[in-house]
Protein backbone atom coordinates (compact mmCIF):
# COMPACT_ATOMS: atom_id res chain seq x y z
CA UNK A 1 -31.38 7.21 18.07
CA UNK A 2 -28.20 7.11 15.09
CA UNK A 3 -28.45 6.55 11.55
CA UNK A 4 -26.64 3.19 11.88
CA UNK A 5 -29.35 2.22 14.53
CA UNK A 6 -32.19 2.77 12.28
CA UNK A 7 -30.53 1.06 9.35
CA UNK A 8 -29.84 -1.76 11.43
CA UNK A 9 -33.40 -1.98 13.07
CA UNK A 10 -34.98 -2.00 9.33
CA UNK A 11 -32.88 -5.00 8.14
CA UNK A 12 -34.78 -8.26 7.82
CA UNK A 13 -34.06 -10.44 11.10
CA UNK A 14 -31.85 -13.15 8.89
CA UNK A 15 -30.14 -10.33 7.43
CA UNK A 16 -29.87 -8.39 11.11
CA UNK A 17 -28.42 -11.24 12.42
CA UNK A 18 -25.48 -12.51 9.87
CA UNK A 19 -24.93 -8.10 9.92
CA UNK A 20 -24.69 -7.85 13.98
CA UNK A 21 -22.30 -11.15 13.91
CA UNK A 22 -19.88 -9.60 11.18
CA UNK A 23 -20.17 -5.96 12.63
CA UNK A 24 -16.54 -5.13 12.42
CA UNK A 25 -16.11 -6.56 8.64
CA UNK A 26 -19.48 -4.37 8.15
CA UNK A 27 -18.09 -1.53 9.47
CA UNK A 28 -14.60 -1.89 7.73
CA UNK A 29 -16.53 -2.34 4.33
CA UNK A 30 -18.54 1.04 5.18
CA UNK A 31 -15.57 2.78 5.76
CA UNK A 32 -13.25 1.57 2.94
CA UNK A 33 -16.04 2.65 0.51
CA UNK A 34 -16.19 6.09 1.97
CA UNK A 35 -12.60 5.80 1.56
CA UNK A 36 -12.71 4.45 -1.88
CA UNK A 37 -14.82 7.10 -3.24
CA UNK A 38 -12.52 10.03 -1.71
CA UNK A 39 -9.63 8.19 -3.57
CA UNK A 40 -10.97 8.05 -6.49
CA UNK A 41 -12.02 11.65 -6.44
CA UNK A 42 -8.66 12.75 -5.72
CA UNK A 43 -6.95 10.21 -8.11
CA UNK A 44 -9.36 11.23 -11.04
CA UNK A 45 -9.18 15.20 -9.90
CA UNK A 46 -5.20 15.07 -9.95
CA UNK A 47 -4.76 12.65 -12.65
CA UNK A 48 -6.66 14.73 -15.45
CA UNK A 49 -5.46 18.25 -14.11
CA UNK A 50 -1.91 18.88 -12.44
CA UNK A 51 -0.45 15.20 -12.66
CA UNK A 52 -1.65 14.20 -16.39
CA UNK A 53 2.19 12.90 -16.83
CA UNK A 54 2.34 11.24 -12.98
CA UNK A 55 -0.45 8.72 -12.84
CA UNK A 56 1.08 6.60 -10.19
CA UNK A 57 2.02 9.72 -8.27
CA UNK A 58 -1.21 10.72 -8.26
CA UNK A 59 -2.78 7.52 -6.68
CA UNK A 60 -0.18 7.79 -4.10
CA UNK A 61 -1.05 10.69 -2.90
CA UNK A 62 -4.94 10.53 -3.20
CA UNK A 63 -4.18 7.02 -1.53
CA UNK A 64 -2.53 8.70 1.35
CA UNK A 65 -5.43 10.95 2.01
CA UNK A 66 -8.04 8.31 1.72
CA UNK A 67 -5.56 6.81 4.35
CA UNK A 68 -5.43 9.46 6.84
CA UNK A 69 -9.46 9.48 6.78
CA UNK A 70 -9.53 5.69 6.94
CA UNK A 71 -7.07 5.60 10.00
CA UNK A 72 -9.79 7.88 12.00
CA UNK A 73 -12.72 6.27 10.82
CA UNK A 74 -11.57 2.45 11.58
CA UNK A 75 -9.87 3.82 15.10
CA UNK A 76 -12.93 5.21 16.02
CA UNK A 77 -15.78 3.48 14.72
CA UNK A 78 -14.55 -0.07 12.82
CA UNK A 79 -12.35 -1.07 15.43
CA UNK A 80 -13.45 0.56 17.98
CA UNK A 81 -13.60 -2.25 21.02
CA UNK A 82 -10.08 -3.36 19.32
CA UNK A 83 -7.04 -2.56 20.93
CA UNK A 84 -4.07 -3.74 22.98
CA UNK A 85 -1.61 -1.20 22.09
CA UNK A 86 -0.88 2.22 23.18
CA UNK A 87 -2.12 5.03 20.45
CA UNK A 88 1.20 6.07 19.18
CA UNK A 89 2.39 2.44 18.60
CA UNK A 90 -0.99 1.79 17.00
CA UNK A 91 -1.08 4.27 14.41
CA UNK A 92 2.52 3.71 13.37
CA UNK A 93 1.62 0.51 12.45
CA UNK A 94 -1.70 1.41 11.20
CA UNK A 95 0.67 3.78 8.49
CA UNK A 96 3.24 1.23 7.87
CA UNK A 97 0.55 -1.09 7.02
CA UNK A 98 -1.00 1.47 4.79
CA UNK A 99 2.63 2.43 3.20
CA UNK A 100 2.85 -1.39 2.10
CA UNK A 101 -0.80 -1.20 1.03
CA UNK A 102 -0.20 1.93 -1.10
CA UNK A 103 2.43 0.23 -2.95
CA UNK A 104 0.77 -3.01 -3.31
CA UNK A 105 -2.41 -0.72 -4.60
CA UNK A 106 0.19 0.71 -7.15
CA UNK A 107 1.59 -2.16 -8.41
CA UNK A 108 -1.48 -3.37 -10.47
CA UNK A 109 -1.50 0.38 -12.28
CA UNK A 110 2.48 0.23 -13.02
CA UNK A 111 2.47 -2.75 -14.76
CA UNK A 112 -0.55 -1.52 -16.27
CA UNK A 113 1.37 1.29 -17.84
CA UNK A 114 4.87 0.29 -18.11
CA UNK A 115 5.18 -3.09 -18.68
CA UNK A 116 1.86 -3.67 -20.86
CA UNK A 117 2.58 -0.06 -22.36
CA UNK A 118 -1.50 0.63 -22.04
CA UNK A 119 -0.76 4.10 -22.55
CA UNK A 120 -0.82 6.82 -25.93
CA UNK A 121 0.70 6.58 -28.09
CA UNK A 122 0.18 2.39 -28.14
CA UNK A 123 -3.53 2.63 -27.42
CA UNK A 124 -6.28 5.06 -27.71
CA UNK A 125 -7.12 7.64 -24.97
CA UNK A 126 -10.20 5.30 -23.93
CA UNK A 127 -8.07 2.50 -22.93
CA UNK A 128 -5.76 4.07 -21.37
CA UNK A 129 -8.37 5.80 -19.19
CA UNK A 130 -10.13 2.45 -18.56
CA UNK A 131 -6.92 0.34 -18.05
CA UNK A 132 -5.88 2.86 -15.19
CA UNK A 133 -9.04 2.60 -13.52
CA UNK A 134 -8.84 -0.64 -13.59
CA UNK A 135 -5.41 -1.66 -12.58
CA UNK A 136 -5.63 1.30 -9.94
CA UNK A 137 -9.14 1.54 -8.49
CA UNK A 138 -10.27 -1.79 -8.76
CA UNK A 139 -7.54 -4.71 -9.04
CA UNK A 140 -5.02 -2.65 -6.61
CA UNK A 141 -8.05 -1.60 -4.12
CA UNK A 142 -9.22 -5.20 -4.22
CA UNK A 143 -6.06 -6.61 -3.52
CA UNK A 144 -4.95 -4.08 -0.96
CA UNK A 145 -8.18 -4.08 0.60
CA UNK A 146 -7.81 -7.93 1.84
CA UNK A 147 -4.26 -6.92 3.07
CA UNK A 148 -5.62 -4.41 5.37
CA UNK A 149 -8.55 -6.56 6.82
CA UNK A 150 -6.01 -8.82 7.61
CA UNK A 151 -3.23 -6.99 8.83
CA UNK A 152 -5.44 -4.80 10.73
CA UNK A 153 -7.03 -7.78 12.97
CA UNK A 154 -3.51 -9.42 13.21
CA UNK A 155 -1.20 -6.18 14.31
CA UNK A 156 -2.69 -3.06 14.33
CA UNK A 157 -5.76 -4.07 16.28
CA UNK A 158 -4.96 -7.36 17.67
CA UNK A 159 -7.12 -7.72 20.82
CA UNK A 160 -10.71 -8.12 20.45
CA UNK A 161 -13.51 -6.75 23.24
CA UNK A 162 -10.23 -4.69 24.64
CA UNK A 163 -12.30 -1.65 24.99
CA UNK A 164 -16.20 -2.35 26.25
CA UNK A 165 -18.54 -2.06 23.44
CA UNK A 166 -22.18 -0.11 24.19
CA UNK A 167 -25.31 -1.74 23.88
CA UNK A 168 -27.48 -0.56 20.68
CA UNK A 169 -31.13 -0.62 21.01
CA UNK A 170 -31.25 -3.02 17.87
CA UNK A 171 -28.67 -5.73 20.34
CA UNK A 172 -30.58 -8.61 21.63
CA UNK A 173 -29.27 -10.81 24.79
CA UNK A 174 -28.63 -13.62 22.15
CA UNK A 175 -26.85 -11.47 19.34
CA UNK A 176 -24.16 -10.41 22.43
CA UNK A 177 -23.62 -13.97 23.71
CA UNK A 178 -23.22 -15.44 20.20
CA UNK A 179 -20.37 -12.69 19.66
CA UNK A 180 -18.76 -13.25 23.47
CA UNK A 181 -20.04 -9.92 24.54
CA UNK A 182 -22.26 -10.74 27.51
């Protein structure tokens, strides 16, 4: 039994039904959370060491690394039953969408630093760090996440149930029929 199966079996029945009904969104959120941690660690590591004068560059590099991890996890787990495109075409679209999302994600940090001047010497170091984290990691990530969710379902992995989904021990026949996986 996988870790996911073990967790799903322990969920209360009403929550289990919601999780199963929205399994793509739950998986997308878990992949996003994992990539958020990767992105944040790399961003803060670069911003406080080798790219201290270039926070937007640090954010772009961190997001690129997280995007590569995201492709593998989303392709093989979150959207594994979706498809409809050849793998190379799908990958190209995925990275195009994420290229746009990197720009979307970087705009709030750019605005914070260069439009609002929330940087030293205009503000204290603490205010600068809080503004950078809030604009890059919270605001930018939230906007880019919504864009990615829509884009993945619309253009990258457009056809639901393109590949068969393996039946899991926690699935019931009612779940399968409600989801259209009979």
